[in-house]
């Protein structure tokens, strides 16, 4: 059985590539509920997931999305062709 971190990485990638994924707070809350349900189905407890996420699954995935978005923005700027 993979660690909660590995499991969450797989689920996050799946979630982020799902059509209709939104960065609205209410959608993060819904995704957190879905993740907890999937975790329980896959043999983890809601407590396992919450402990890994610092007690707040919604805040954890929001922070992760924002961090990834900032990294993507930074890469886009660094790779942008500048006139010269």
N, C-alpha and C. Protein backbone atom coordinates (compact mmCIF):
# COMPACT_ATOMS: atom_id res chain seq x y z
N UNK A 1 0.85 -1.17 0.00
CA UNK A 1 0.00 0.00 0.00
C UNK A 1 0.90 1.24 0.00
N UNK A 2 0.60 2.18 -0.87
CA UNK A 2 1.41 3.40 -0.94
C UNK A 2 1.10 4.32 0.24
N UNK A 3 2.02 5.22 0.49
CA UNK A 3 1.83 6.18 1.58
C UNK A 3 0.69 7.14 1.22
N UNK A 4 0.17 7.81 2.23
CA UNK A 4 -0.89 8.80 1.99
C UNK A 4 -0.38 9.88 1.04
N UNK A 5 0.88 10.28 1.19
CA UNK A 5 1.46 11.30 0.32
C UNK A 5 1.46 10.85 -1.14
N UNK A 6 1.91 9.62 -1.39
CA UNK A 6 1.92 9.09 -2.76
C UNK A 6 0.50 8.98 -3.30
N UNK A 7 -0.41 8.50 -2.47
CA UNK A 7 -1.80 8.35 -2.88
C UNK A 7 -2.38 9.72 -3.25
N UNK A 8 -2.11 10.70 -2.39
CA UNK A 8 -2.63 12.05 -2.63
C UNK A 8 -2.03 12.65 -3.90
N UNK A 9 -0.75 12.41 -4.16
CA UNK A 9 -0.13 12.88 -5.40
C UNK A 9 -0.88 12.34 -6.61
N UNK A 10 -1.17 11.05 -6.61
CA UNK A 10 -1.91 10.44 -7.72
C UNK A 10 -3.29 11.05 -7.86
N UNK A 11 -3.99 11.20 -6.75
CA UNK A 11 -5.35 11.73 -6.79
C UNK A 11 -5.36 13.20 -7.18
N UNK A 12 -4.35 13.94 -6.74
CA UNK A 12 -4.28 15.36 -7.09
C UNK A 12 -4.11 15.52 -8.60
N UNK A 13 -3.20 14.74 -9.18
CA UNK A 13 -2.98 14.81 -10.63
C UNK A 13 -4.27 14.48 -11.37
N UNK A 14 -4.97 13.47 -10.90
CA UNK A 14 -6.25 13.08 -11.50
C UNK A 14 -7.27 14.22 -11.38
N UNK A 15 -7.34 14.83 -10.21
CA UNK A 15 -8.29 15.90 -9.96
C UNK A 15 -7.98 17.12 -10.82
N UNK A 16 -6.71 17.49 -10.90
CA UNK A 16 -6.31 18.70 -11.62
C UNK A 16 -6.53 18.59 -13.12
N UNK A 17 -6.57 17.37 -13.64
CA UNK A 17 -6.77 17.20 -15.08
C UNK A 17 -8.22 16.85 -15.43
N UNK A 18 -9.08 16.86 -14.44
CA UNK A 18 -10.49 16.58 -14.67
C UNK A 18 -11.15 17.77 -15.35
N UNK A 19 -11.88 17.54 -16.44
CA UNK A 19 -12.58 18.66 -17.07
C UNK A 19 -13.51 19.35 -16.08
N UNK A 20 -13.53 20.66 -16.13
CA UNK A 20 -14.40 21.42 -15.25
C UNK A 20 -13.77 21.76 -13.91
N UNK A 21 -12.51 21.36 -13.67
CA UNK A 21 -11.85 21.70 -12.41
C UNK A 21 -11.81 23.21 -12.29
N UNK A 22 -12.16 23.70 -11.13
CA UNK A 22 -12.23 25.14 -10.90
C UNK A 22 -11.42 25.50 -9.67
N UNK A 23 -10.96 26.72 -9.60
CA UNK A 23 -10.21 27.17 -8.44
C UNK A 23 -11.08 27.97 -7.46
N UNK A 24 -12.38 27.84 -7.57
CA UNK A 24 -13.29 28.50 -6.63
C UNK A 24 -13.27 27.74 -5.29
N UNK A 25 -13.36 28.48 -4.18
CA UNK A 25 -13.28 27.86 -2.86
C UNK A 25 -14.29 26.73 -2.69
N UNK A 26 -15.51 26.95 -3.11
CA UNK A 26 -16.54 25.93 -2.95
C UNK A 26 -16.17 24.65 -3.70
N UNK A 27 -15.48 24.78 -4.82
CA UNK A 27 -15.05 23.61 -5.57
C UNK A 27 -13.93 22.87 -4.84
N UNK A 28 -13.05 23.61 -4.16
CA UNK A 28 -12.02 22.96 -3.35
C UNK A 28 -12.66 22.19 -2.19
N UNK A 29 -13.70 22.77 -1.61
CA UNK A 29 -14.40 22.06 -0.54
C UNK A 29 -15.00 20.75 -1.06
N UNK A 30 -15.59 20.81 -2.23
CA UNK A 30 -16.17 19.61 -2.84
C UNK A 30 -15.08 18.59 -3.16
N UNK A 31 -13.96 19.05 -3.71
CA UNK A 31 -12.85 18.14 -4.01
C UNK A 31 -12.31 17.50 -2.73
N UNK A 32 -12.26 18.25 -1.65
CA UNK A 32 -11.79 17.70 -0.37
C UNK A 32 -12.72 16.59 0.09
N UNK A 33 -14.03 16.80 -0.03
CA UNK A 33 -14.99 15.75 0.35
C UNK A 33 -14.80 14.51 -0.52
N UNK A 34 -14.58 14.73 -1.80
CA UNK A 34 -14.36 13.61 -2.73
C UNK A 34 -13.08 12.85 -2.36
N UNK A 35 -12.01 13.59 -2.05
CA UNK A 35 -10.75 12.95 -1.68
C UNK A 35 -10.89 12.12 -0.41
N UNK A 36 -11.61 12.63 0.58
CA UNK A 36 -11.81 11.88 1.81
C UNK A 36 -12.57 10.59 1.51
N UNK A 37 -13.59 10.68 0.69
CA UNK A 37 -14.36 9.50 0.32
C UNK A 37 -13.50 8.48 -0.43
N UNK A 38 -12.70 8.96 -1.39
CA UNK A 38 -11.82 8.06 -2.14
C UNK A 38 -10.77 7.45 -1.23
N UNK A 39 -10.25 8.23 -0.29
CA UNK A 39 -9.25 7.71 0.65
C UNK A 39 -9.83 6.54 1.44
N UNK A 40 -11.06 6.71 1.91
CA UNK A 40 -11.69 5.64 2.67
C UNK A 40 -11.93 4.41 1.81
N UNK A 41 -12.31 4.61 0.57
CA UNK A 41 -12.51 3.49 -0.35
C UNK A 41 -11.20 2.76 -0.61
N UNK A 42 -10.09 3.50 -0.64
CA UNK A 42 -8.78 2.91 -0.95
C UNK A 42 -8.04 2.41 0.29
N UNK A 43 -8.71 2.41 1.45
CA UNK A 43 -8.12 1.82 2.64
C UNK A 43 -7.46 2.78 3.61
N UNK A 44 -7.58 4.05 3.38
CA UNK A 44 -7.05 5.05 4.30
C UNK A 44 -8.22 5.60 5.11
N UNK A 45 -7.92 6.16 6.24
CA UNK A 45 -8.99 6.77 7.02
C UNK A 45 -9.03 8.27 6.74
N UNK A 46 -10.16 8.87 7.07
CA UNK A 46 -10.28 10.32 6.93
C UNK A 46 -9.22 10.98 7.82
N UNK A 47 -8.93 10.36 8.95
CA UNK A 47 -7.91 10.88 9.87
C UNK A 47 -6.52 10.84 9.24
N UNK A 48 -6.20 9.74 8.51
CA UNK A 48 -4.91 9.64 7.81
C UNK A 48 -4.73 10.83 6.87
N UNK A 49 -5.76 11.09 6.09
CA UNK A 49 -5.70 12.17 5.12
C UNK A 49 -5.61 13.53 5.81
N UNK A 50 -6.46 13.72 6.81
CA UNK A 50 -6.44 15.00 7.54
C UNK A 50 -5.10 15.24 8.23
N UNK A 51 -4.54 14.18 8.83
CA UNK A 51 -3.24 14.33 9.48
C UNK A 51 -2.17 14.73 8.47
N UNK A 52 -2.18 14.12 7.32
CA UNK A 52 -1.20 14.46 6.28
C UNK A 52 -1.37 15.91 5.81
N UNK A 53 -2.60 16.35 5.78
CA UNK A 53 -2.92 17.69 5.27
C UNK A 53 -2.92 18.76 6.37
N UNK A 54 -2.38 18.44 7.51
CA UNK A 54 -2.32 19.42 8.59
C UNK A 54 -3.68 19.73 9.18
N UNK A 55 -4.61 18.81 9.04
CA UNK A 55 -5.93 18.97 9.64
C UNK A 55 -6.97 19.59 8.73
N UNK A 56 -6.57 20.13 7.60
CA UNK A 56 -7.53 20.81 6.73
C UNK A 56 -7.25 20.43 5.27
N UNK A 57 -8.01 19.46 4.77
CA UNK A 57 -7.80 18.97 3.41
C UNK A 57 -8.06 20.07 2.38
N UNK A 58 -9.09 20.86 2.60
CA UNK A 58 -9.42 21.94 1.66
C UNK A 58 -8.26 22.93 1.55
N UNK A 59 -7.76 23.39 2.66
CA UNK A 59 -6.65 24.36 2.65
C UNK A 59 -5.41 23.74 2.02
N UNK A 60 -5.16 22.46 2.29
CA UNK A 60 -3.99 21.78 1.73
C UNK A 60 -4.04 21.76 0.21
N UNK A 61 -5.18 21.36 -0.36
CA UNK A 61 -5.23 21.28 -1.82
C UNK A 61 -5.26 22.67 -2.45
N UNK A 62 -5.86 23.64 -1.77
CA UNK A 62 -5.82 25.02 -2.29
C UNK A 62 -4.39 25.52 -2.34
N UNK A 63 -3.64 25.28 -1.27
CA UNK A 63 -2.24 25.71 -1.21
C UNK A 63 -1.43 25.01 -2.30
N UNK A 64 -1.69 23.75 -2.49
CA UNK A 64 -0.95 23.00 -3.51
C UNK A 64 -1.24 23.54 -4.91
N UNK A 65 -2.49 23.82 -5.21
CA UNK A 65 -2.84 24.39 -6.51
C UNK A 65 -2.18 25.75 -6.69
N UNK A 66 -2.26 26.59 -5.68
CA UNK A 66 -1.66 27.92 -5.79
C UNK A 66 -0.15 27.84 -5.97
N UNK A 67 0.50 26.92 -5.28
CA UNK A 67 1.94 26.74 -5.41
C UNK A 67 2.28 26.28 -6.82
N UNK A 68 1.52 25.32 -7.33
CA UNK A 68 1.78 24.82 -8.68
C UNK A 68 1.52 25.91 -9.73
N UNK A 69 0.46 26.69 -9.53
CA UNK A 69 0.17 27.76 -10.47
C UNK A 69 1.28 28.80 -10.49
N UNK A 70 1.81 29.15 -9.31
CA UNK A 70 2.91 30.12 -9.26
C UNK A 70 4.14 29.57 -9.97
N UNK A 71 4.42 28.28 -9.78
CA UNK A 71 5.57 27.66 -10.43
C UNK A 71 5.39 27.66 -11.95
N UNK A 72 4.18 27.36 -12.41
CA UNK A 72 3.91 27.37 -13.85
C UNK A 72 4.05 28.78 -14.41
N UNK A 73 3.56 29.77 -13.68
CA UNK A 73 3.69 31.16 -14.13
C UNK A 73 5.16 31.56 -14.21
N UNK A 74 5.93 31.18 -13.21
CA UNK A 74 7.36 31.51 -13.20
C UNK A 74 8.07 30.87 -14.39
N UNK A 75 7.76 29.58 -14.66
CA UNK A 75 8.38 28.90 -15.81
C UNK A 75 7.99 29.58 -17.11
N UNK A 76 6.74 30.00 -17.23
CA UNK A 76 6.29 30.66 -18.45
C UNK A 76 7.06 31.96 -18.67
N UNK A 77 7.27 32.70 -17.60
CA UNK A 77 8.01 33.96 -17.72
C UNK A 77 9.46 33.67 -18.07
N UNK A 78 10.06 32.69 -17.42
CA UNK A 78 11.46 32.37 -17.68
C UNK A 78 11.68 31.85 -19.10
N UNK A 79 10.68 31.17 -19.66
CA UNK A 79 10.81 30.58 -20.99
C UNK A 79 10.24 31.45 -22.10
N UNK A 80 9.68 32.61 -21.73
CA UNK A 80 9.08 33.48 -22.73
C UNK A 80 10.16 34.08 -23.63
N UNK A 81 9.88 34.08 -24.92
CA UNK A 81 10.85 34.70 -25.84
C UNK A 81 10.72 36.23 -25.73
N UNK A 82 11.83 36.85 -25.43
CA UNK A 82 11.82 38.31 -25.33
C UNK A 82 12.40 38.89 -26.61
N UNK A 83 11.84 40.00 -27.01
CA UNK A 83 12.34 40.66 -28.22
C UNK A 83 13.78 41.10 -28.03
N UNK A 84 14.54 41.06 -29.05
CA UNK A 84 15.91 41.43 -28.83
C UNK A 84 16.51 41.86 -30.06
